[in-house]
Amino acid sequence: MADTDVLTRVKARLDGWDDVPSDAWLSEAARTLSDRVCLRAGVSALPPMAESIVVDATVKAVNRRFDEGIGSESEGQGGTMSVSFADDLLSEYDRELSALASMAQADGSSALPTVRFL
């Protein structure tokens, strides 16, 4: 993955936002998410087609940085608060990551363990 390409894309999506994190924070978030995508897909390097997942998830990480883990909040009648927590920034990309893992296994670039029956 070209870290600068992902960082450029993230910054383009955040253009005009108030209180954008530093480049160092954005780079670290993107690198961490890239590592997690690689682990889930079973590849040693992030394929270019998976960069969009990292960009999307990094923007979501920016949204979550002060209220980390909160998926949604609402106030009901009588002043009761309801808060739901997001499990995982990458969970909504499970189908794409599974497809990426399957493609990597098919072309032999997968780092996932394989089982062979003799």
PDB file of N, CA and C in Angstrom:
ATOM      1  N   MET A   1       0.854  -1.180   0.000  1.00  0.00           N
ATOM      2  CA  MET A   1       0.000   0.000   0.000  1.00  0.00           C
ATOM      3  C   MET A   1       0.887   1.226   0.000  1.00  0.00           C
ATOM      4  N   ALA A   2       0.518   2.158  -0.800  1.00  0.00           N
ATOM      5  CA  ALA A   2       1.203   3.441  -0.769  1.00  0.00           C
ATOM      6  C   ALA A   2       0.516   4.299   0.284  1.00  0.00           C
ATOM      7  N   ASP A   3       1.182   4.401   1.448  1.00  0.00           N
ATOM      8  CA  ASP A   3       0.590   5.132   2.572  1.00  0.00           C
ATOM      9  C   ASP A   3       0.204   6.548   2.183  1.00  0.00           C
ATOM     10  N   THR A   4       1.017   7.177   1.337  1.00  0.00           N
ATOM     11  CA  THR A   4       0.716   8.559   0.953  1.00  0.00           C
ATOM     12  C   THR A   4      -0.547   8.627   0.106  1.00  0.00           C
ATOM     13  N   ASP A   5      -0.806   7.615  -0.721  1.00  0.00           N
ATOM     14  CA  ASP A   5      -2.030   7.596  -1.522  1.00  0.00           C
ATOM     15  C   ASP A   5      -3.263   7.508  -0.638  1.00  0.00           C
ATOM     16  N   VAL A   6      -3.218   6.614   0.348  1.00  0.00           N
ATOM     17  CA  VAL A   6      -4.345   6.469   1.267  1.00  0.00           C
ATOM     18  C   VAL A   6      -4.525   7.750   2.068  1.00  0.00           C
ATOM     19  N   LEU A   7      -3.441   8.311   2.579  1.00  0.00           N
ATOM     20  CA  LEU A   7      -3.521   9.544   3.353  1.00  0.00           C
ATOM     21  C   LEU A   7      -4.097  10.680   2.514  1.00  0.00           C
ATOM     22  N   THR A   8      -3.681  10.785   1.260  1.00  0.00           N
ATOM     23  CA  THR A   8      -4.215  11.812   0.361  1.00  0.00           C
ATOM     24  C   THR A   8      -5.715  11.636   0.164  1.00  0.00           C
ATOM     25  N   ARG A   9      -6.155  10.403  -0.018  1.00  0.00           N
ATOM     26  CA  ARG A   9      -7.582  10.137  -0.210  1.00  0.00           C
ATOM     27  C   ARG A   9      -8.381  10.440   1.051  1.00  0.00           C
ATOM     28  N   VAL A  10      -7.836  10.071   2.218  1.00  0.00           N
ATOM     29  CA  VAL A  10      -8.525  10.359   3.483  1.00  0.00           C
ATOM     30  C   VAL A  10      -8.656  11.868   3.649  1.00  0.00           C
ATOM     31  N   LYS A  11      -7.573  12.599   3.417  1.00  0.00           N
ATOM     32  CA  LYS A  11      -7.602  14.049   3.582  1.00  0.00           C
ATOM     33  C   LYS A  11      -8.572  14.702   2.589  1.00  0.00           C
ATOM     34  N   ALA A  12      -8.700  14.138   1.396  1.00  0.00           N
ATOM     35  CA  ALA A  12      -9.668  14.673   0.424  1.00  0.00           C
ATOM     36  C   ALA A  12     -11.090  14.511   0.946  1.00  0.00           C
ATOM     37  N   ARG A  13     -11.376  13.388   1.590  1.00  0.00           N
ATOM     38  CA  ARG A  13     -12.720  13.170   2.145  1.00  0.00           C
ATOM     39  C   ARG A  13     -12.991  14.058   3.354  1.00  0.00           C
ATOM     40  N   LEU A  14     -11.939  14.434   4.059  1.00  0.00           N
ATOM     41  CA  LEU A  14     -12.092  15.275   5.240  1.00  0.00           C
ATOM     42  C   LEU A  14     -11.961  16.759   4.915  1.00  0.00           C
ATOM     43  N   ASP A  15     -11.768  17.085   3.648  1.00  0.00           N
ATOM     44  CA  ASP A  15     -11.600  18.474   3.236  1.00  0.00           C
ATOM     45  C   ASP A  15     -12.801  19.307   3.670  1.00  0.00           C
ATOM     46  N   GLY A  16     -12.525  20.377   4.367  1.00  0.00           N
ATOM     47  CA  GLY A  16     -13.582  21.263   4.827  1.00  0.00           C
ATOM     48  C   GLY A  16     -14.112  20.935   6.211  1.00  0.00           C
ATOM     49  N   TRP A  17     -13.695  19.816   6.777  1.00  0.00           N
ATOM     50  CA  TRP A  17     -14.127  19.461   8.129  1.00  0.00           C
ATOM     51  C   TRP A  17     -13.383  20.321   9.134  1.00  0.00           C
ATOM     52  N   ASP A  18     -14.030  20.617  10.224  1.00  0.00           N
ATOM     53  CA  ASP A  18     -13.357  21.272  11.340  1.00  0.00           C
ATOM     54  C   ASP A  18     -12.654  20.203  12.164  1.00  0.00           C
ATOM     55  N   ASP A  19     -11.568  20.580  12.787  1.00  0.00           N
ATOM     56  CA  ASP A  19     -10.870  19.726  13.736  1.00  0.00           C
ATOM     57  C   ASP A  19     -10.411  18.397  13.132  1.00  0.00           C
ATOM     58  N   VAL A  20      -9.738  18.471  11.983  1.00  0.00           N
ATOM     59  CA  VAL A  20      -9.180  17.273  11.358  1.00  0.00           C
ATOM     60  C   VAL A  20      -7.916  16.881  12.111  1.00  0.00           C
ATOM     61  N   PRO A  21      -7.745  15.595  12.414  1.00  0.00           N
ATOM     62  CA  PRO A  21      -6.546  15.164  13.143  1.00  0.00           C
ATOM     63  C   PRO A  21      -5.267  15.424  12.336  1.00  0.00           C
ATOM     64  N   SER A  22      -4.153  15.337  13.013  1.00  0.00           N
ATOM     65  CA  SER A  22      -2.856  15.542  12.363  1.00  0.00           C
ATOM     66  C   SER A  22      -2.574  14.432  11.349  1.00  0.00           C
ATOM     67  N   ASP A  23      -1.655  14.718  10.445  1.00  0.00           N
ATOM     68  CA  ASP A  23      -1.241  13.699   9.474  1.00  0.00           C
ATOM     69  C   ASP A  23      -0.692  12.464  10.176  1.00  0.00           C
ATOM     70  N   ALA A  24       0.019  12.684  11.271  1.00  0.00           N
ATOM     71  CA  ALA A  24       0.580  11.546  12.016  1.00  0.00           C
ATOM     72  C   ALA A  24      -0.540  10.653  12.545  1.00  0.00           C
ATOM     73  N   TRP A  25      -1.604  11.245  13.094  1.00  0.00           N
ATOM     74  CA  TRP A  25      -2.729  10.471  13.619  1.00  0.00           C
ATOM     75  C   TRP A  25      -3.413   9.723  12.479  1.00  0.00           C
ATOM     76  N   LEU A  26      -3.671  10.425  11.371  1.00  0.00           N
ATOM     77  CA  LEU A  26      -4.325   9.797  10.219  1.00  0.00           C
ATOM     78  C   LEU A  26      -3.480   8.652   9.664  1.00  0.00           C
ATOM     79  N   SER A  27      -2.168   8.863   9.570  1.00  0.00           N
ATOM     80  CA  SER A  27      -1.275   7.817   9.051  1.00  0.00           C
ATOM     81  C   SER A  27      -1.287   6.587   9.946  1.00  0.00           C
ATOM     82  N   GLU A  28      -1.259   6.805  11.249  1.00  0.00           N
ATOM     83  CA  GLU A  28      -1.273   5.681  12.185  1.00  0.00           C
ATOM     84  C   GLU A  28      -2.597   4.926  12.108  1.00  0.00           C
ATOM     85  N   ALA A  29      -3.699   5.646  12.042  1.00  0.00           N
ATOM     86  CA  ALA A  29      -5.006   4.988  11.933  1.00  0.00           C
ATOM     87  C   ALA A  29      -5.094   4.181  10.640  1.00  0.00           C
ATOM     88  N   ALA A  30      -4.653   4.762   9.535  1.00  0.00           N
ATOM     89  CA  ALA A  30      -4.692   4.063   8.247  1.00  0.00           C
ATOM     90  C   ALA A  30      -3.779   2.840   8.254  1.00  0.00           C
ATOM     91  N   ARG A  31      -2.601   2.954   8.846  1.00  0.00           N
ATOM     92  CA  ARG A  31      -1.657   1.829   8.919  1.00  0.00           C
ATOM     93  C   ARG A  31      -2.243   0.692   9.751  1.00  0.00           C
ATOM     94  N   THR A  32      -2.841   1.031  10.895  1.00  0.00           N
ATOM     95  CA  THR A  32      -3.453   0.020  11.759  1.00  0.00           C
ATOM     96  C   THR A  32      -4.587  -0.692  11.029  1.00  0.00           C
ATOM     97  N   LEU A  33      -5.434   0.079  10.353  1.00  0.00           N
ATOM     98  CA  LEU A  33      -6.548  -0.525   9.617  1.00  0.00           C
ATOM     99  C   LEU A  33      -6.048  -1.363   8.449  1.00  0.00           C
ATOM    100  N   SER A  34      -5.006  -0.916   7.791  1.00  0.00           N
ATOM    101  CA  SER A  34      -4.404  -1.689   6.703  1.00  0.00           C
ATOM    102  C   SER A  34      -3.884  -3.027   7.216  1.00  0.00           C
ATOM    103  N   ASP A  35      -3.196  -2.993   8.357  1.00  0.00           N
ATOM    104  CA  ASP A  35      -2.697  -4.243   8.956  1.00  0.00           C
ATOM    105  C   ASP A  35      -3.848  -5.188   9.268  1.00  0.00           C
ATOM    106  N   ARG A  36      -4.933  -4.657   9.801  1.00  0.00           N
ATOM    107  CA  ARG A  36      -6.084  -5.492  10.152  1.00  0.00           C
ATOM    108  C   ARG A  36      -6.770  -6.072   8.918  1.00  0.00           C
ATOM    109  N   VAL A  37      -6.854  -5.276   7.858  1.00  0.00           N
ATOM    110  CA  VAL A  37      -7.427  -5.785   6.602  1.00  0.00           C
ATOM    111  C   VAL A  37      -6.564  -6.934   6.085  1.00  0.00           C
ATOM    112  N   CYS A  38      -5.250  -6.761   6.102  1.00  0.00           N
ATOM    113  CA  CYS A  38      -4.350  -7.816   5.634  1.00  0.00           C
ATOM    114  C   CYS A  38      -4.509  -9.087   6.462  1.00  0.00           C
ATOM    115  N   LEU A  39      -4.602  -8.933   7.775  1.00  0.00           N
ATOM    116  CA  LEU A  39      -4.775 -10.105   8.633  1.00  0.00           C
ATOM    117  C   LEU A  39      -6.079 -10.827   8.342  1.00  0.00           C
ATOM    118  N   ARG A  40      -7.148 -10.081   8.194  1.00  0.00           N
ATOM    119  CA  ARG A  40      -8.451 -10.708   7.936  1.00  0.00           C
ATOM    120  C   ARG A  40      -8.512 -11.366   6.572  1.00  0.00           C
ATOM    121  N   ALA A  41      -7.858 -10.750   5.593  1.00  0.00           N
ATOM    122  CA  ALA A  41      -7.894 -11.296   4.235  1.00  0.00           C
ATOM    123  C   ALA A  41      -6.816 -12.349   4.021  1.00  0.00           C
ATOM    124  N   GLY A  42      -5.855 -12.432   4.958  1.00  0.00           N
ATOM    125  CA  GLY A  42      -4.806 -13.432   4.825  1.00  0.00           C
ATOM    126  C   GLY A  42      -3.777 -13.088   3.774  1.00  0.00           C
ATOM    127  N   VAL A  43      -3.486 -11.810   3.619  1.00  0.00           N
ATOM    128  CA  VAL A  43      -2.471 -11.378   2.653  1.00  0.00           C
ATOM    129  C   VAL A  43      -1.382 -10.616   3.406  1.00  0.00           C
ATOM    130  N   SER A  44      -0.187 -10.620   2.842  1.00  0.00           N
ATOM    131  CA  SER A  44       0.919  -9.948   3.525  1.00  0.00           C
ATOM    132  C   SER A  44       1.020  -8.479   3.154  1.00  0.00           C
ATOM    133  N   ALA A  45       0.455  -8.093   2.026  1.00  0.00           N
ATOM    134  CA  ALA A  45       0.469  -6.690   1.597  1.00  0.00           C
ATOM    135  C   ALA A  45      -0.933  -6.319   1.121  1.00  0.00           C
ATOM    136  N   LEU A  46      -1.321  -5.100   1.394  1.00  0.00           N
ATOM    137  CA  LEU A  46      -2.656  -4.655   1.036  1.00  0.00           C
ATOM    138  C   LEU A  46      -2.782  -4.499  -0.478  1.00  0.00           C
ATOM    139  N   PRO A  47      -3.701  -5.225  -1.094  1.00  0.00           N
ATOM    140  CA  PRO A  47      -3.921  -5.058  -2.529  1.00  0.00           C
ATOM    141  C   PRO A  47      -4.517  -3.672  -2.811  1.00  0.00           C
ATOM    142  N   PRO A  48      -4.177  -3.087  -3.946  1.00  0.00           N
ATOM    143  CA  PRO A  48      -4.715  -1.752  -4.267  1.00  0.00           C
ATOM    144  C   PRO A  48      -6.238  -1.675  -4.194  1.00  0.00           C
ATOM    145  N   MET A  49      -6.927  -2.756  -4.562  1.00  0.00           N
ATOM    146  CA  MET A  49      -8.394  -2.717  -4.546  1.00  0.00           C
ATOM    147  C   MET A  49      -8.960  -2.644  -3.131  1.00  0.00           C
ATOM    148  N   ALA A  50      -8.148  -2.974  -2.127  1.00  0.00           N
ATOM    149  CA  ALA A  50      -8.611  -2.914  -0.739  1.00  0.00           C
ATOM    150  C   ALA A  50      -8.319  -1.570  -0.083  1.00  0.00           C
ATOM    151  N   GLU A  51      -7.619  -0.687  -0.793  1.00  0.00           N
ATOM    152  CA  GLU A  51      -7.307   0.626  -0.230  1.00  0.00           C
ATOM    153  C   GLU A  51      -8.571   1.413   0.103  1.00  0.00           C
ATOM    154  N   SER A  52      -9.620   1.254  -0.685  1.00  0.00           N
ATOM    155  CA  SER A  52     -10.872   1.975  -0.420  1.00  0.00           C
ATOM    156  C   SER A  52     -11.471   1.585   0.927  1.00  0.00           C
ATOM    157  N   ILE A  53     -11.317   0.332   1.307  1.00  0.00           N
ATOM    158  CA  ILE A  53     -11.800  -0.107   2.614  1.00  0.00           C
ATOM    159  C   ILE A  53     -11.035   0.630   3.706  1.00  0.00           C
ATOM    160  N   VAL A  54      -9.727   0.736   3.553  1.00  0.00           N
ATOM    161  CA  VAL A  54      -8.903   1.424   4.544  1.00  0.00           C
ATOM    162  C   VAL A  54      -9.268   2.903   4.605  1.00  0.00           C
ATOM    163  N   VAL A  55      -9.491   3.515   3.451  1.00  0.00           N
ATOM    164  CA  VAL A  55      -9.863   4.936   3.419  1.00  0.00           C
ATOM    165  C   VAL A  55     -11.204   5.135   4.131  1.00  0.00           C
ATOM    166  N   ASP A  56     -12.211   4.339   3.787  1.00  0.00           N
ATOM    167  CA  ASP A  56     -13.526   4.453   4.435  1.00  0.00           C
ATOM    168  C   ASP A  56     -13.420   4.275   5.945  1.00  0.00           C
ATOM    169  N   ALA A  57     -12.723   3.229   6.360  1.00  0.00           N
ATOM    170  CA  ALA A  57     -12.618   2.934   7.783  1.00  0.00           C
ATOM    171  C   ALA A  57     -11.814   4.002   8.525  1.00  0.00           C
ATOM    172  N   THR A  58     -10.833   4.603   7.873  1.00  0.00           N
ATOM    173  CA  THR A  58     -10.057   5.666   8.510  1.00  0.00           C
ATOM    174  C   THR A  58     -10.928   6.891   8.752  1.00  0.00           C
ATOM    175  N   VAL A  59     -11.769   7.233   7.781  1.00  0.00           N
ATOM    176  CA  VAL A  59     -12.689   8.356   7.971  1.00  0.00           C
ATOM    177  C   VAL A  59     -13.640   8.050   9.129  1.00  0.00           C
ATOM    178  N   LYS A  60     -14.093   6.812   9.223  1.00  0.00           N
ATOM    179  CA  LYS A  60     -14.953   6.419  10.349  1.00  0.00           C
ATOM    180  C   LYS A  60     -14.198   6.519  11.666  1.00  0.00           C
ATOM    181  N   ALA A  61     -12.921   6.174  11.651  1.00  0.00           N
ATOM    182  CA  ALA A  61     -12.111   6.281  12.866  1.00  0.00           C
ATOM    183  C   ALA A  61     -12.005   7.738  13.312  1.00  0.00           C
ATOM    184  N   VAL A  62     -11.914   8.650  12.359  1.00  0.00           N
ATOM    185  CA  VAL A  62     -11.886  10.080  12.692  1.00  0.00           C
ATOM    186  C   VAL A  62     -13.189  10.459  13.387  1.00  0.00           C
ATOM    187  N   ASN A  63     -14.296   9.981  12.875  1.00  0.00           N
ATOM    188  CA  ASN A  63     -15.590  10.273  13.482  1.00  0.00           C
ATOM    189  C   ASN A  63     -15.695   9.718  14.892  1.00  0.00           C
ATOM    190  N   ARG A  64     -15.029   8.608  15.156  1.00  0.00           N
ATOM    191  CA  ARG A  64     -15.130   7.937  16.451  1.00  0.00           C
ATOM    192  C   ARG A  64     -14.078   8.370  17.454  1.00  0.00           C
ATOM    193  N   ARG A  65     -13.115   9.179  17.074  1.00  0.00           N
ATOM    194  CA  ARG A  65     -11.954   9.369  17.941  1.00  0.00           C
ATOM    195  C   ARG A  65     -12.268   9.985  19.282  1.00  0.00           C
ATOM    196  N   PHE A  66     -13.292  10.815  19.409  1.00  0.00           N
ATOM    197  CA  PHE A  66     -13.609  11.390  20.715  1.00  0.00           C
ATOM    198  C   PHE A  66     -14.669  10.583  21.448  1.00  0.00           C
ATOM    199  N   ASP A  67     -15.533   9.941  20.722  1.00  0.00           N
ATOM    200  CA  ASP A  67     -16.565   9.092  21.321  1.00  0.00           C
ATOM    201  C   ASP A  67     -16.302   7.665  20.906  1.00  0.00           C
ATOM    202  N   GLU A  68     -15.089   7.197  21.165  1.00  0.00           N
ATOM    203  CA  GLU A  68     -14.645   5.913  20.672  1.00  0.00           C
ATOM    204  C   GLU A  68     -15.586   4.789  21.087  1.00  0.00           C
ATOM    205  N   GLY A  69     -16.038   4.063  20.089  1.00  0.00           N
ATOM    206  CA  GLY A  69     -16.879   2.910  20.332  1.00  0.00           C
ATOM    207  C   GLY A  69     -18.367   3.176  20.308  1.00  0.00           C
ATOM    208  N   ILE A  70     -18.785   4.440  20.325  1.00  0.00           N
ATOM    209  CA  ILE A  70     -20.212   4.736  20.317  1.00  0.00           C
ATOM    210  C   ILE A  70     -20.730   4.650  18.887  1.00  0.00           C
ATOM    211  N   GLY A  71     -21.707   3.788  18.671  1.00  0.00           N
ATOM    212  CA  GLY A  71     -22.313   3.650  17.356  1.00  0.00           C
ATOM    213  C   GLY A  71     -23.438   4.638  17.156  1.00  0.00           C
ATOM    214  N   SER A  72     -24.269   4.812  18.174  1.00  0.00           N
ATOM    215  CA  SER A  72     -25.365   5.777  18.089  1.00  0.00           C
ATOM    216  C   SER A  72     -25.834   6.130  19.489  1.00  0.00           C
ATOM    217  N   GLU A  73     -26.432   7.304  19.584  1.00  0.00           N
ATOM    218  CA  GLU A  73     -27.008   7.769  20.847  1.00  0.00           C
ATOM    219  C   GLU A  73     -28.388   8.318  20.534  1.00  0.00           C
ATOM    220  N   SER A  74     -29.300   8.157  21.469  1.00  0.00           N
ATOM    221  CA  SER A  74     -30.607   8.783  21.308  1.00  0.00           C
ATOM    222  C   SER A  74     -31.181   9.077  22.688  1.00  0.00           C
ATOM    223  N   GLU A  75     -32.027  10.072  22.716  1.00  0.00           N
ATOM    224  CA  GLU A  75     -32.678  10.431  23.970  1.00  0.00           C
ATOM    225  C   GLU A  75     -34.165  10.141  23.821  1.00  0.00           C
ATOM    226  N   GLY A  76     -34.655   9.346  24.738  1.00  0.00           N
ATOM    227  CA  GLY A  76     -36.060   8.976  24.700  1.00  0.00           C
ATOM    228  C   GLY A  76     -36.894   9.858  25.601  1.00  0.00           C
ATOM    229  N   GLN A  77     -38.167   9.518  25.716  1.00  0.00           N
ATOM    230  CA  GLN A  77     -39.064  10.264  26.583  1.00  0.00           C
ATOM    231  C   GLN A  77     -38.614  10.134  28.029  1.00  0.00           C
ATOM    232  N   GLY A  78     -38.801  11.161  28.763  1.00  0.00           N
ATOM    233  CA  GLY A  78     -38.425  11.139  30.167  1.00  0.00           C
ATOM    234  C   GLY A  78     -36.933  11.337  30.380  1.00  0.00           C
ATOM    235  N   GLY A  79     -36.220  11.729  29.337  1.00  0.00           N
ATOM    236  CA  GLY A  79     -34.796  12.002  29.464  1.00  0.00           C
ATOM    237  C   GLY A  79     -33.903  10.782  29.505  1.00  0.00           C
ATOM    238  N   THR A  80     -34.437   9.610  29.136  1.00  0.00           N
ATOM    239  CA  THR A  80     -33.604   8.410  29.132  1.00  0.00           C
ATOM    240  C   THR A  80     -32.691   8.430  27.905  1.00  0.00           C
ATOM    241  N   MET A  81     -31.465   7.997  28.107  1.00  0.00           N
ATOM    242  CA  MET A  81     -30.485   7.946  27.022  1.00  0.00           C
ATOM    243  C   MET A  81     -30.282   6.503  26.595  1.00  0.00           C
ATOM    244  N   SER A  82     -30.153   6.328  25.299  1.00  0.00           N
ATOM    245  CA  SER A  82     -29.832   5.022  24.750  1.00  0.00           C
ATOM    246  C   SER A  82     -28.550   5.170  23.941  1.00  0.00           C
ATOM    247  N   VAL A  83     -27.587   4.324  24.219  1.00  0.00           N
ATOM    248  CA  VAL A  83     -26.311   4.367  23.514  1.00  0.00           C
ATOM    249  C   VAL A  83     -26.004   2.966  23.010  1.00  0.00           C
ATOM    250  N   SER A  84     -25.654   2.856  21.728  1.00  0.00           N
ATOM    251  CA  SER A  84     -25.199   1.566  21.210  1.00  0.00           C
ATOM    252  C   SER A  84     -23.748   1.725  20.779  1.00  0.00           C
ATOM    253  N   PHE A  85     -23.003   0.666  20.937  1.00  0.00           N
ATOM    254  CA  PHE A  85     -21.578   0.716  20.659  1.00  0.00           C
ATOM    255  C   PHE A  85     -21.246  -0.084  19.412  1.00  0.00           C
ATOM    256  N   ALA A  86     -20.392   0.495  18.590  1.00  0.00           N
ATOM    257  CA  ALA A  86     -19.914  -0.184  17.389  1.00  0.00           C
ATOM    258  C   ALA A  86     -18.879  -1.217  17.792  1.00  0.00           C
ATOM    259  N   ASP A  87     -19.018  -2.414  17.267  1.00  0.00           N
ATOM    260  CA  ASP A  87     -18.088  -3.485  17.612  1.00  0.00           C
ATOM    261  C   ASP A  87     -16.737  -3.297  16.938  1.00  0.00           C
ATOM    262  N   ASP A  88     -16.770  -2.954  15.674  1.00  0.00           N
ATOM    263  CA  ASP A  88     -15.566  -3.075  14.875  1.00  0.00           C
ATOM    264  C   ASP A  88     -15.693  -2.187  13.645  1.00  0.00           C
ATOM    265  N   LEU A  89     -14.682  -1.393  13.373  1.00  0.00           N
ATOM    266  CA  LEU A  89     -14.714  -0.522  12.199  1.00  0.00           C
ATOM    267  C   LEU A  89     -14.773  -1.304  10.888  1.00  0.00           C
ATOM    268  N   LEU A  90     -14.263  -2.513  10.882  1.00  0.00           N
ATOM    269  CA  LEU A  90     -14.190  -3.289   9.639  1.00  0.00           C
ATOM    270  C   LEU A  90     -15.325  -4.283   9.464  1.00  0.00           C
ATOM    271  N   SER A  91     -16.221  -4.387  10.448  1.00  0.00           N
ATOM    272  CA  SER A  91     -17.263  -5.419  10.380  1.00  0.00           C
ATOM    273  C   SER A  91     -18.181  -5.265   9.178  1.00  0.00           C
ATOM    274  N   GLU A  92     -18.456  -4.049   8.762  1.00  0.00           N
ATOM    275  CA  GLU A  92     -19.348  -3.892   7.613  1.00  0.00           C
ATOM    276  C   GLU A  92     -18.689  -4.275   6.287  1.00  0.00           C
ATOM    277  N   TYR A  93     -17.396  -4.531   6.325  1.00  0.00           N
ATOM    278  CA  TYR A  93     -16.666  -4.926   5.112  1.00  0.00           C
ATOM    279  C   TYR A  93     -16.384  -6.420   5.084  1.00  0.00           C
ATOM    280  N   ASP A  94     -17.042  -7.191   5.932  1.00  0.00           N
ATOM    281  CA  ASP A  94     -16.781  -8.631   6.018  1.00  0.00           C
ATOM    282  C   ASP A  94     -16.933  -9.338   4.675  1.00  0.00           C
ATOM    283  N   ARG A  95     -17.952  -8.986   3.900  1.00  0.00           N
ATOM    284  CA  ARG A  95     -18.141  -9.632   2.594  1.00  0.00           C
ATOM    285  C   ARG A  95     -16.980  -9.343   1.661  1.00  0.00           C
ATOM    286  N   GLU A  96     -16.543  -8.087   1.633  1.00  0.00           N
ATOM    287  CA  GLU A  96     -15.431  -7.715   0.766  1.00  0.00           C
ATOM    288  C   GLU A  96     -14.139  -8.400   1.211  1.00  0.00           C
ATOM    289  N   LEU A  97     -13.929  -8.458   2.530  1.00  0.00           N
ATOM    290  CA  LEU A  97     -12.713  -9.088   3.040  1.00  0.00           C
ATOM    291  C   LEU A  97     -12.726 -10.596   2.784  1.00  0.00           C
ATOM    292  N   SER A  98     -13.886 -11.216   2.871  1.00  0.00           N
ATOM    293  CA  SER A  98     -13.995 -12.645   2.547  1.00  0.00           C
ATOM    294  C   SER A  98     -13.699 -12.883   1.070  1.00  0.00           C
ATOM    295  N   ALA A  99     -14.210 -12.003   0.220  1.00  0.00           N
ATOM    296  CA  ALA A  99     -13.940 -12.120  -1.212  1.00  0.00           C
ATOM    297  C   ALA A  99     -12.455 -11.933  -1.496  1.00  0.00           C
ATOM    298  N   LEU A 100     -11.834 -10.985  -0.813  1.00  0.00           N
ATOM    299  CA  LEU A 100     -10.406 -10.753  -0.977  1.00  0.00           C
ATOM    300  C   LEU A 100      -9.605 -11.978  -0.533  1.00  0.00           C
ATOM    301  N   ALA A 101     -10.004 -12.587   0.577  1.00  0.00           N
ATOM    302  CA  ALA A 101      -9.333 -13.792   1.063  1.00  0.00           C
ATOM    303  C   ALA A 101      -9.487 -14.933   0.060  1.00  0.00           C
ATOM    304  N   SER A 102     -10.669 -15.066  -0.512  1.00  0.00           N
ATOM    305  CA  SER A 102     -10.901 -16.119  -1.507  1.00  0.00           C
ATOM    306  C   SER A 102     -10.054 -15.898  -2.755  1.00  0.00           C
ATOM    307  N   MET A 103      -9.958 -14.652  -3.186  1.00  0.00           N
ATOM    308  CA  MET A 103      -9.132 -14.330  -4.353  1.00  0.00           C
ATOM    309  C   MET A 103      -7.658 -14.626  -4.074  1.00  0.00           C
ATOM    310  N   ALA A 104      -7.213 -14.303  -2.867  1.00  0.00           N
ATOM    311  CA  ALA A 104      -5.816 -14.553  -2.511  1.00  0.00           C
ATOM    312  C   ALA A 104      -5.529 -16.044  -2.448  1.00  0.00           C
ATOM    313  N   GLN A 105      -6.487 -16.829  -1.950  1.00  0.00           N
ATOM    314  CA  GLN A 105      -6.296 -18.273  -1.910  1.00  0.00           C
ATOM    315  C   GLN A 105      -6.274 -18.847  -3.317  1.00  0.00           C
ATOM    316  N   ALA A 106      -7.131 -18.321  -4.192  1.00  0.00           N
ATOM    317  CA  ALA A 106      -7.204 -18.820  -5.555  1.00  0.00           C
ATOM    318  C   ALA A 106      -5.932 -18.534  -6.346  1.00  0.00           C
ATOM    319  N   ASP A 107      -5.321 -17.365  -6.108  1.00  0.00           N
ATOM    320  CA  ASP A 107      -4.112 -17.047  -6.876  1.00  0.00           C
ATOM    321  C   ASP A 107      -2.823 -17.421  -6.155  1.00  0.00           C
ATOM    322  N   GLY A 108      -2.953 -18.047  -4.980  1.00  0.00           N
ATOM    323  CA  GLY A 108      -1.779 -18.534  -4.256  1.00  0.00           C
ATOM    324  C   GLY A 108      -1.056 -17.496  -3.424  1.00  0.00           C
ATOM    325  N   SER A 109      -1.607 -16.295  -3.290  1.00  0.00           N
ATOM    326  CA  SER A 109      -0.923 -15.255  -2.516  1.00  0.00           C
ATOM    327  C   SER A 109      -1.403 -15.188  -1.069  1.00  0.00           C
ATOM    328  N   SER A 110      -2.285 -16.087  -0.690  1.00  0.00           N
ATOM    329  CA  SER A 110      -2.835 -16.076   0.657  1.00  0.00           C
ATOM    330  C   SER A 110      -1.803 -16.513   1.689  1.00  0.00           C
ATOM    331  N   ALA A 111      -1.851 -15.853   2.833  1.00  0.00           N
ATOM    332  CA  ALA A 111      -1.008 -16.253   3.964  1.00  0.00           C
ATOM    333  C   ALA A 111      -1.812 -17.057   4.974  1.00  0.00           C
ATOM    334  N   LEU A 112      -3.086 -17.328   4.635  1.00  0.00           N
ATOM    335  CA  LEU A 112      -3.928 -18.126   5.516  1.00  0.00           C
ATOM    336  C   LEU A 112      -3.502 -19.585   5.446  1.00  0.00           C
ATOM    337  N   PRO A 113      -3.583 -20.297   6.556  1.00  0.00           N
ATOM    338  CA  PRO A 113      -3.212 -21.708   6.526  1.00  0.00           C
ATOM    339  C   PRO A 113      -4.198 -22.504   5.674  1.00  0.00           C
ATOM    340  N   THR A 114      -3.678 -23.501   5.032  1.00  0.00           N
ATOM    341  CA  THR A 114      -4.547 -24.362   4.216  1.00  0.00           C
ATOM    342  C   THR A 114      -4.488 -25.780   4.781  1.00  0.00           C
ATOM    343  N   VAL A 115      -5.545 -26.508   4.537  1.00  0.00           N
ATOM    344  CA  VAL A 115      -5.635 -27.890   4.991  1.00  0.00           C
ATOM    345  C   VAL A 115      -5.722 -28.770   3.744  1.00  0.00           C
ATOM    346  N   ARG A 116      -4.872 -29.786   3.719  1.00  0.00           N
ATOM    347  CA  ARG A 116      -4.892 -30.702   2.589  1.00  0.00           C
ATOM    348  C   ARG A 116      -5.124 -32.104   3.123  1.00  0.00           C
ATOM    349  N   PHE A 117      -6.035 -32.792   2.511  1.00  0.00           N
ATOM    350  CA  PHE A 117      -6.336 -34.168   2.903  1.00  0.00           C
ATOM    351  C   PHE A 117      -5.672 -35.115   1.910  1.00  0.00           C
ATOM    352  N   LEU A 118      -4.985 -36.096   2.441  1.00  0.00           N
ATOM    353  CA  LEU A 118      -4.306 -37.071   1.580  1.00  0.00           C
ATOM    354  C   LEU A 118      -4.991 -38.386   1.629  1.00  0.00           C
TER     355      LEU A 118
END
